[in-house]
N, C-alpha and C. Protein backbone atom coordinates (compact mmCIF):
# COMPACT_ATOMS: atom_id res chain seq x y z
N MET A 1 1.03 -1.21 -0.20
CA MET A 1 0.29 0.10 0.09
C MET A 1 0.91 1.49 0.35
N ALA A 2 0.49 2.36 -0.70
CA ALA A 2 1.41 3.33 -0.79
C ALA A 2 1.36 4.52 0.31
N ASP A 3 2.21 5.20 0.76
CA ASP A 3 2.06 5.76 1.78
C ASP A 3 1.06 6.96 1.72
N TRP A 4 0.69 7.45 2.77
CA TRP A 4 -0.35 8.35 2.92
C TRP A 4 0.16 9.69 2.66
N GLN A 5 0.02 10.46 1.58
CA GLN A 5 0.66 11.50 1.35
C GLN A 5 -0.70 12.58 1.33
N PRO A 6 -0.82 13.59 1.78
CA PRO A 6 -2.07 14.94 1.94
C PRO A 6 -1.74 15.11 0.61
N ALA A 7 -3.02 15.24 -0.26
CA ALA A 7 -3.52 15.59 -1.23
C ALA A 7 -3.38 17.15 -1.79
N SER A 8 -3.58 17.94 -0.41
CA SER A 8 -3.76 19.25 -0.50
C SER A 8 -2.48 19.89 -0.58
N GLY A 9 -1.36 19.38 -0.36
CA GLY A 9 -0.08 19.78 -0.27
C GLY A 9 0.51 20.39 1.23
N GLY A 10 -0.47 20.42 2.02
CA GLY A 10 -0.39 20.88 3.57
C GLY A 10 0.34 19.54 4.30
N ASP A 11 -0.01 19.65 5.58
CA ASP A 11 0.54 18.67 6.32
C ASP A 11 -0.70 17.70 6.77
N THR A 12 -2.03 18.08 6.19
CA THR A 12 -2.95 17.02 6.77
C THR A 12 -4.21 17.27 5.37
N ASN A 13 -4.63 16.08 5.48
CA ASN A 13 -6.23 16.03 4.42
C ASN A 13 -7.47 16.59 5.59
N PRO A 14 -8.00 17.82 5.07
CA PRO A 14 -9.18 18.13 6.34
C PRO A 14 -10.30 17.27 5.93
N TYR A 15 -11.22 17.08 7.16
CA TYR A 15 -12.55 16.69 7.04
C TYR A 15 -13.35 17.72 6.69
N CYS A 16 -14.49 17.55 6.24
CA CYS A 16 -15.23 18.06 5.49
C CYS A 16 -16.78 18.18 6.09
N ILE A 17 -17.12 19.20 6.37
CA ILE A 17 -18.59 19.60 7.01
C ILE A 17 -19.33 20.54 6.34
N GLU A 18 -20.26 20.02 5.33
CA GLU A 18 -21.22 21.22 4.63
C GLU A 18 -22.32 20.86 4.64
N PRO A 19 -23.34 21.61 4.03
CA PRO A 19 -24.90 21.40 3.39
C PRO A 19 -24.61 20.23 2.30
N ALA A 20 -25.39 19.62 2.33
CA ALA A 20 -25.04 18.70 1.01
C ALA A 20 -25.41 19.43 -0.53
N LYS A 21 -24.44 19.37 -1.31
CA LYS A 21 -24.71 20.08 -2.58
C LYS A 21 -25.66 19.97 -3.42
N SER A 22 -25.98 18.27 -3.54
CA SER A 22 -26.91 17.94 -4.69
C SER A 22 -28.05 17.02 -4.44
N GLY A 23 -27.75 16.71 -3.17
CA GLY A 23 -28.86 15.35 -2.76
C GLY A 23 -28.36 13.93 -3.46
N ARG A 24 -27.22 13.70 -4.08
CA ARG A 24 -26.94 12.38 -4.72
C ARG A 24 -25.76 11.58 -3.93
N ALA A 25 -25.38 12.38 -3.11
CA ALA A 25 -24.45 11.73 -2.13
C ALA A 25 -25.26 10.38 -1.40
N THR A 26 -24.25 9.35 -1.19
CA THR A 26 -25.21 8.03 -0.20
C THR A 26 -24.60 8.17 1.02
N CYS A 27 -25.01 8.06 2.35
CA CYS A 27 -24.13 7.98 3.54
C CYS A 27 -23.61 6.62 3.43
N LYS A 28 -22.07 6.44 3.86
CA LYS A 28 -21.78 5.32 3.83
C LYS A 28 -21.80 4.32 5.10
N LYS A 29 -22.51 5.03 6.04
CA LYS A 29 -23.03 3.99 7.36
C LYS A 29 -24.24 3.37 7.02
N CYS A 30 -25.40 4.39 6.77
CA CYS A 30 -26.69 3.78 6.47
C CYS A 30 -27.15 3.25 5.55
N LYS A 31 -26.52 3.92 4.43
CA LYS A 31 -26.51 3.53 2.85
C LYS A 31 -28.16 4.25 2.55
N GLU A 32 -28.03 5.10 3.00
CA GLU A 32 -29.57 6.27 2.49
C GLU A 32 -28.70 7.41 2.22
N PRO A 33 -29.65 7.94 1.10
CA PRO A 33 -29.03 9.44 0.29
C PRO A 33 -29.22 10.31 1.38
N ILE A 34 -28.36 11.19 1.16
CA ILE A 34 -28.15 12.62 1.79
C ILE A 34 -28.53 13.53 1.09
N PRO A 35 -30.19 14.24 1.58
CA PRO A 35 -30.89 14.98 0.92
C PRO A 35 -30.21 16.35 1.04
N ASN A 36 -30.64 16.99 -0.18
CA ASN A 36 -29.82 18.43 -0.44
C ASN A 36 -29.92 19.11 0.76
N LYS A 37 -28.86 19.79 0.69
CA LYS A 37 -28.70 21.10 1.66
C LYS A 37 -28.82 20.52 3.24
N ALA A 38 -29.18 19.28 3.81
CA ALA A 38 -28.78 18.44 4.69
C ALA A 38 -27.23 18.55 5.15
N LEU A 39 -27.44 18.68 6.81
CA LEU A 39 -25.59 18.44 7.29
C LEU A 39 -25.07 17.39 6.73
N ARG A 40 -23.66 17.26 6.36
CA ARG A 40 -23.09 16.05 6.17
C ARG A 40 -21.61 16.12 6.62
N PHE A 41 -20.78 15.22 6.87
CA PHE A 41 -19.97 15.00 7.07
C PHE A 41 -19.10 14.04 6.04
N GLY A 42 -17.51 14.52 6.09
CA GLY A 42 -17.09 14.12 4.88
C GLY A 42 -15.53 13.52 5.48
N SER A 43 -15.35 12.27 5.49
CA SER A 43 -13.91 11.70 5.62
C SER A 43 -13.25 11.63 4.97
N PRO A 44 -12.03 12.35 4.84
CA PRO A 44 -10.96 12.44 3.56
C PRO A 44 -10.48 10.72 3.05
N VAL A 45 -10.51 10.98 2.02
CA VAL A 45 -9.57 9.61 1.66
C VAL A 45 -8.84 9.69 -0.09
N GLN A 46 -8.21 9.10 -0.26
CA GLN A 46 -7.29 9.54 -1.22
C GLN A 46 -8.15 8.31 -2.50
N ILE A 47 -8.22 8.21 -3.90
CA ILE A 47 -8.47 7.38 -4.60
C ILE A 47 -7.42 8.23 -5.85
N GLN A 48 -6.62 7.04 -6.21
CA GLN A 48 -5.25 7.61 -7.35
C GLN A 48 -4.94 8.61 -7.11
N GLY A 49 -4.62 8.75 -5.57
CA GLY A 49 -3.58 10.38 -5.69
C GLY A 49 -4.35 11.72 -5.44
N ASN A 50 -5.65 11.53 -5.34
CA ASN A 50 -6.70 12.40 -5.40
C ASN A 50 -7.31 12.74 -4.27
N LEU A 51 -7.45 13.77 -3.54
CA LEU A 51 -8.77 13.76 -2.21
C LEU A 51 -9.91 13.86 -2.90
N SER A 52 -10.68 13.13 -1.99
CA SER A 52 -12.34 13.10 -2.17
C SER A 52 -12.68 12.57 -0.95
N TYR A 53 -13.91 12.30 -0.74
CA TYR A 53 -14.69 12.25 0.71
C TYR A 53 -15.90 11.33 0.69
N HIS A 54 -15.66 10.26 1.95
CA HIS A 54 -16.62 9.41 2.07
C HIS A 54 -17.76 10.23 3.13
N TRP A 55 -18.99 10.29 2.18
CA TRP A 55 -19.82 11.26 3.24
C TRP A 55 -21.03 10.31 4.14
N ASN A 56 -21.07 10.92 5.22
CA ASN A 56 -22.26 10.57 6.22
C ASN A 56 -23.07 11.70 6.38
N HIS A 57 -24.44 11.31 6.82
CA HIS A 57 -25.09 11.93 7.54
C HIS A 57 -24.87 12.47 8.76
N TRP A 58 -24.66 13.93 9.51
CA TRP A 58 -24.50 14.31 10.44
C TRP A 58 -24.84 13.66 11.64
N ARG A 59 -25.91 12.77 11.39
CA ARG A 59 -26.59 12.06 12.54
C ARG A 59 -25.97 10.77 12.53
N CYS A 60 -25.20 10.17 11.54
CA CYS A 60 -24.59 9.07 11.64
C CYS A 60 -23.15 9.19 11.87
N LEU A 61 -22.47 10.24 12.35
CA LEU A 61 -21.46 10.39 13.19
C LEU A 61 -21.17 9.70 14.38
N THR A 62 -20.08 8.85 14.43
CA THR A 62 -19.84 7.76 15.32
C THR A 62 -18.83 9.19 16.61
N GLU A 63 -18.88 8.55 17.59
CA GLU A 63 -17.96 9.24 18.61
C GLU A 63 -16.35 9.22 18.53
N GLN A 64 -16.14 7.90 17.86
CA GLN A 64 -14.97 7.55 17.45
C GLN A 64 -14.36 8.30 16.36
N VAL A 65 -15.25 8.62 14.97
CA VAL A 65 -14.70 9.68 14.09
C VAL A 65 -14.52 10.98 14.75
N LEU A 66 -15.59 11.46 15.81
CA LEU A 66 -15.54 12.73 16.60
C LEU A 66 -14.16 12.85 17.34
N ALA A 67 -13.67 11.62 18.02
CA ALA A 67 -12.42 11.60 18.82
C ALA A 67 -11.31 11.93 18.04
N ASN A 68 -11.70 11.09 16.78
CA ASN A 68 -10.55 11.67 15.48
C ASN A 68 -10.32 12.74 15.20
N MET A 69 -11.37 13.28 14.81
CA MET A 69 -11.25 14.65 14.57
C MET A 69 -11.10 15.82 15.45
N ARG A 70 -11.35 15.52 16.79
CA ARG A 70 -10.90 16.61 17.86
C ARG A 70 -9.46 16.34 18.12
N GLY A 71 -8.92 15.44 17.62
CA GLY A 71 -7.33 14.90 18.04
C GLY A 71 -6.73 15.78 16.75
N LYS A 72 -7.31 15.54 15.40
CA LYS A 72 -6.83 16.45 14.54
C LYS A 72 -6.78 17.93 14.45
N ILE A 73 -7.47 18.30 15.06
CA ILE A 73 -7.90 19.91 15.08
C ILE A 73 -6.99 20.42 16.26
N ALA A 74 -6.31 19.39 17.52
CA ALA A 74 -5.39 19.65 18.37
C ALA A 74 -4.07 19.75 17.69
N ARG A 75 -3.64 18.80 16.61
CA ARG A 75 -2.52 19.06 16.44
C ARG A 75 -2.38 20.18 15.06
N HIS A 76 -3.31 20.30 14.31
CA HIS A 76 -3.13 21.50 13.44
C HIS A 76 -4.14 22.55 13.39
N GLY A 77 -5.20 22.72 14.51
CA GLY A 77 -5.87 23.75 14.30
C GLY A 77 -7.26 23.37 13.54
N GLN A 78 -8.31 24.41 14.05
CA GLN A 78 -9.55 24.18 13.28
C GLN A 78 -9.72 24.39 11.74
N ASP A 79 -9.02 25.47 11.16
CA ASP A 79 -8.80 26.10 9.85
C ASP A 79 -8.49 24.51 9.00
N VAL A 80 -7.44 24.00 9.76
CA VAL A 80 -6.62 22.97 8.58
C VAL A 80 -7.55 22.35 8.62
N ALA A 81 -7.87 21.63 9.99
CA ALA A 81 -8.22 20.33 9.97
C ALA A 81 -9.60 19.93 9.24
N ILE A 82 -10.45 21.19 9.44
CA ILE A 82 -12.13 21.09 9.04
C ILE A 82 -12.17 21.96 8.09
N GLU A 83 -12.71 21.81 6.79
CA GLU A 83 -12.92 22.37 5.55
C GLU A 83 -14.57 22.36 5.78
N GLY A 84 -14.78 23.65 5.43
CA GLY A 84 -16.56 24.09 4.97
C GLY A 84 -17.44 24.73 6.17
N MET A 85 -16.82 24.73 7.38
CA MET A 85 -17.60 25.48 8.66
C MET A 85 -18.19 26.83 8.02
N ASP A 86 -17.35 27.75 6.91
CA ASP A 86 -17.67 28.87 6.74
C ASP A 86 -19.23 28.80 5.88
N ARG A 87 -19.64 27.59 5.17
CA ARG A 87 -20.51 27.58 4.35
C ARG A 87 -21.74 26.81 5.23
N LEU A 88 -21.42 26.86 6.64
CA LEU A 88 -22.94 26.24 7.41
C LEU A 88 -23.74 27.21 7.66
N LYS A 89 -25.09 26.93 8.27
CA LYS A 89 -26.00 27.60 8.50
C LYS A 89 -25.69 28.17 9.94
N PRO A 90 -26.02 28.90 10.59
CA PRO A 90 -25.85 29.38 11.94
C PRO A 90 -25.98 28.21 13.10
N ARG A 91 -27.13 27.75 12.75
CA ARG A 91 -27.57 26.69 13.57
C ARG A 91 -26.60 25.35 13.56
N ASP A 92 -26.36 25.10 12.55
CA ASP A 92 -25.50 24.15 12.19
C ASP A 92 -24.34 24.53 12.32
N ARG A 93 -23.87 25.21 12.61
CA ARG A 93 -22.22 25.59 13.08
C ARG A 93 -22.24 25.71 14.57
N GLU A 94 -23.39 25.70 15.12
CA GLU A 94 -23.44 26.28 16.62
C GLU A 94 -23.68 24.62 16.65
N ARG A 95 -24.20 23.61 16.42
CA ARG A 95 -24.19 22.08 16.51
C ARG A 95 -22.96 21.43 16.23
N VAL A 96 -22.23 21.90 15.42
CA VAL A 96 -21.02 21.18 14.87
C VAL A 96 -19.80 21.61 16.23
N GLN A 97 -19.76 23.18 16.40
CA GLN A 97 -19.02 23.57 17.45
C GLN A 97 -19.09 23.15 18.77
N ARG A 98 -20.51 22.51 18.98
CA ARG A 98 -20.69 22.34 20.52
C ARG A 98 -20.16 21.07 20.74
N ALA A 99 -20.37 20.01 19.58
CA ALA A 99 -19.67 18.50 18.89
C ALA A 99 -18.28 18.45 19.43
N LEU A 100 -17.62 19.49 18.70
CA LEU A 100 -16.09 19.67 18.69
C LEU A 100 -15.57 20.29 20.22
N ASN A 101 -16.50 20.99 20.89
CA ASN A 101 -16.04 21.21 21.85
C ASN A 101 -15.91 20.37 23.20
N THR A 102 -17.31 19.74 22.96
CA THR A 102 -17.50 18.50 24.28
C THR A 102 -17.03 17.39 23.88
N GLY A 103 -17.25 16.89 22.81
CA GLY A 103 -17.11 15.67 22.44
C GLY A 103 -18.35 14.81 22.34
N LEU A 104 -19.36 15.36 22.91
CA LEU A 104 -20.74 14.57 22.54
C LEU A 104 -21.32 14.93 21.02
N LEU A 105 -22.18 13.90 20.73
CA LEU A 105 -22.69 14.03 19.47
C LEU A 105 -24.30 14.54 20.04
N ASP A 106 -25.18 14.98 19.09
CA ASP A 106 -26.54 15.88 19.05
C ASP A 106 -27.34 14.73 20.18
N ALA A 107 -27.38 13.51 19.76
CA ALA A 107 -27.98 12.40 20.75
C ALA A 107 -27.82 12.73 21.91
N HIS A 108 -26.81 13.13 22.53
CA HIS A 108 -26.47 13.54 24.04
C HIS A 108 -27.26 14.65 24.50
N PHE A 109 -27.71 15.28 23.55
CA PHE A 109 -28.41 17.02 23.86
C PHE A 109 -29.79 16.71 23.64
N GLY A 110 -30.05 15.58 23.26
CA GLY A 110 -31.90 15.24 23.00
C GLY A 110 -31.96 15.82 21.54
N GLU A 111 -31.37 16.38 20.70
CA GLU A 111 -31.56 16.86 19.32
C GLU A 111 -31.88 15.72 18.80
N VAL A 112 -32.61 16.20 17.60
CA VAL A 112 -32.93 14.72 16.33
C VAL A 112 -33.05 15.59 15.44
N GLU A 113 -32.04 15.31 14.22
CA GLU A 113 -32.08 16.21 13.31
C GLU A 113 -33.28 16.08 12.22
N GLU A 114 -34.63 15.61 12.53
CA GLU A 114 -35.75 16.39 12.13
C GLU A 114 -36.19 17.23 11.37
N GLY A 115 -35.53 18.37 12.00
CA GLY A 115 -35.56 19.81 11.19
C GLY A 115 -34.67 19.69 10.31
N ASP A 116 -33.81 19.26 10.42
CA ASP A 116 -32.66 19.53 8.89
C ASP A 116 -33.63 18.70 7.84
N GLU A 117 -34.10 17.45 7.72
CA GLU A 117 -34.83 16.81 6.87
C GLU A 117 -36.12 17.78 6.47
N GLU A 118 -36.42 18.35 7.03
CA GLU A 118 -37.67 19.32 6.58
C GLU A 118 -37.12 20.58 5.98
N GLU A 119 -35.68 20.55 6.29
CA GLU A 119 -35.35 22.10 5.61
C GLU A 119 -34.95 21.83 4.37
N ALA A 120 -34.39 20.62 4.02
CA ALA A 120 -33.41 19.86 2.67
C ALA A 120 -34.73 20.02 1.86
N VAL A 121 -34.19 20.08 0.97
CA VAL A 121 -34.79 20.21 -0.34
C VAL A 121 -34.54 18.79 -1.11
N PRO A 122 -35.64 17.72 -1.03
CA PRO A 122 -35.03 16.66 -2.47
C PRO A 122 -34.98 17.00 -3.70
N VAL A 123 -33.85 16.61 -4.24
CA VAL A 123 -33.44 16.54 -5.49
C VAL A 123 -34.12 15.37 -5.95
N LYS A 124 -34.83 15.69 -7.23
CA LYS A 124 -35.40 14.30 -8.17
C LYS A 124 -34.19 14.07 -9.40
N THR A 125 -33.90 12.62 -9.21
CA THR A 125 -32.88 12.60 -10.42
C THR A 125 -33.79 12.09 -11.31
N PRO A 126 -33.21 12.60 -12.58
CA PRO A 126 -33.94 12.13 -13.93
C PRO A 126 -33.87 10.79 -13.95
N LYS A 127 -35.10 10.22 -14.92
CA LYS A 127 -35.27 8.85 -14.51
C LYS A 127 -34.86 8.63 -16.28
N LYS A 128 -34.16 6.93 -16.13
CA LYS A 128 -33.73 6.99 -17.84
C LYS A 128 -35.10 6.79 -18.62
N ARG A 129 -35.08 7.37 -19.82
CA ARG A 129 -36.02 7.47 -20.48
C ARG A 129 -35.96 5.90 -21.76
N THR A 130 -37.07 5.36 -21.35
CA THR A 130 -37.02 4.14 -22.71
C THR A 130 -37.47 4.73 -23.75
N PRO A 131 -36.91 4.28 -25.04
CA PRO A 131 -37.54 4.49 -26.45
C PRO A 131 -38.63 3.99 -26.63
N LYS A 132 -39.61 4.80 -27.08
CA LYS A 132 -40.96 4.41 -27.20
C LYS A 132 -40.76 3.28 -28.42
N LYS A 133 -41.62 2.01 -27.88
CA LYS A 133 -41.94 0.79 -28.71
C LYS A 133 -42.80 1.26 -30.33
N ALA A 134 -42.03 1.18 -31.32
CA ALA A 134 -42.83 1.43 -32.46
C ALA A 134 -44.16 0.32 -32.40
N ALA A 135 -45.57 0.80 -33.09
CA ALA A 135 -46.35 0.10 -33.09
C ALA A 135 -46.00 -1.35 -33.68
N ALA A 136 -46.71 -2.21 -32.70
CA ALA A 136 -46.43 -3.35 -33.24
C ALA A 136 -47.24 -4.04 -34.63
N THR A 137 -46.52 -4.50 -35.54
CA THR A 137 -47.51 -4.83 -36.58
C THR A 137 -47.59 -6.34 -36.46
N PRO A 138 -48.88 -6.92 -36.57
CA PRO A 138 -49.28 -8.14 -36.37
C PRO A 138 -48.51 -8.98 -37.08
N ARG A 139 -47.67 -9.93 -36.64
CA ARG A 139 -47.22 -11.20 -37.41
C ARG A 139 -48.03 -12.36 -38.16
N LYS A 140 -47.75 -12.46 -39.28
CA LYS A 140 -48.39 -13.71 -39.77
C LYS A 140 -48.41 -15.20 -38.84
N LYS A 141 -49.46 -15.84 -39.03
CA LYS A 141 -49.23 -17.05 -37.98
C LYS A 141 -48.45 -18.02 -39.29
N ARG A 142 -47.96 -19.01 -38.96
CA ARG A 142 -47.53 -20.02 -39.80
C ARG A 142 -48.62 -20.73 -40.28
N GLY A 143 -48.53 -20.83 -41.48
CA GLY A 143 -49.41 -21.78 -42.37
C GLY A 143 -50.92 -20.99 -42.78
N ALA A 144 -50.50 -19.35 -42.43
CA ALA A 144 -51.71 -18.68 -42.61
C ALA A 144 -51.94 -18.29 -44.30
N SER A 145 -50.41 -18.69 -44.74
CA SER A 145 -50.30 -18.27 -46.63
C SER A 145 -51.19 -19.60 -47.17
N LYS A 146 -51.26 -20.91 -46.44
CA LYS A 146 -51.80 -22.01 -47.10
C LYS A 146 -53.69 -21.96 -46.96
N LYS A 147 -53.80 -21.62 -46.00
CA LYS A 147 -55.40 -21.03 -45.78
C LYS A 147 -55.92 -20.13 -46.77
N ALA A 148 -54.71 -19.01 -47.10
CA ALA A 148 -55.39 -17.83 -47.68
C ALA A 148 -55.43 -18.80 -49.29
N GLU A 149 -54.72 -19.58 -49.68
CA GLU A 149 -54.91 -20.08 -50.72
C GLU A 149 -56.02 -20.99 -50.89
N GLY A 150 -56.21 -21.35 -49.56
CA GLY A 150 -57.48 -22.41 -49.76
C GLY A 150 -57.46 -23.74 -49.43
N GLU A 151 -56.11 -24.24 -49.13
CA GLU A 151 -55.89 -25.38 -49.12
C GLU A 151 -56.27 -25.80 -47.31
N ASP A 152 -56.34 -26.69 -47.08
CA ASP A 152 -56.82 -27.32 -45.74
C ASP A 152 -55.89 -27.84 -44.90
N GLU A 153 -55.74 -27.52 -43.17
CA GLU A 153 -54.39 -28.24 -42.65
C GLU A 153 -54.80 -29.43 -42.61
N ASP A 154 -56.12 -30.18 -42.67
CA ASP A 154 -56.57 -31.36 -42.38
C ASP A 154 -55.88 -32.62 -43.59
N ASP A 155 -55.92 -31.46 -44.79
CA ASP A 155 -55.30 -32.33 -46.00
C ASP A 155 -54.19 -33.32 -45.63
N ASP A 156 -53.17 -32.47 -45.12
CA ASP A 156 -51.85 -33.40 -44.77
C ASP A 156 -51.59 -34.31 -43.44
N ALA A 157 -52.89 -34.25 -42.70
CA ALA A 157 -52.88 -35.33 -41.54
C ALA A 157 -53.59 -36.88 -42.38
N GLU A 158 -54.43 -36.40 -43.57
CA GLU A 158 -54.82 -37.75 -43.97
C GLU A 158 -53.99 -38.33 -44.87
N ASP A 159 -52.62 -37.67 -45.40
CA ASP A 159 -51.70 -38.64 -46.25
C ASP A 159 -51.24 -38.95 -45.27
N TRP A 160 -50.79 -39.09 -44.25
CA TRP A 160 -49.71 -39.43 -43.20
C TRP A 160 -50.02 -40.68 -42.98
N VAL A 161 -49.19 -41.80 -43.01
CA VAL A 161 -49.40 -43.19 -42.59
C VAL A 161 -48.41 -43.52 -41.28
N PRO A 162 -48.90 -44.33 -40.60
CA PRO A 162 -47.84 -44.29 -39.64
C PRO A 162 -46.74 -45.80 -40.32
N GLY A 163 -45.49 -45.77 -40.20
CA GLY A 163 -44.63 -46.76 -40.12
C GLY A 163 -44.12 -46.87 -41.65
N LYS A 164 -44.35 -45.84 -42.22
CA LYS A 164 -44.03 -45.55 -43.72
C LYS A 164 -42.47 -44.68 -43.38
């Protein structure tokens, strides 16, 4: 496995906390889509040398990941360790800052993320269009041409003799 190198060119790859941009990302923990504009948390990953994120709902954040994030802040400072705080709504910024300061998640304070789900605007992904089928022309049945010529199907049965 290759050595971990910060993709940003700095000392570390930052975590990212931001409102979801499009509603297409899926939470790595619960496997459900993250609605548009809902608070999400990104863990940095390197994919072929490029910085990317594994996204989670804020409510799916674990205490272990929060502890890791607090450790990174202690080593590098919040501005370097976390990206996207400036894009948060004041209410979300307060929730995140409280979790970072106390080490406790929203569940410890009795907060449920229901309000975020109401504020989130669901994005409808376009459905794939299937080409319209052309009007089916009725196919002729086998033997239909013989009937049209006036021949009868029973004529063939009379000519058949078993054992020949």
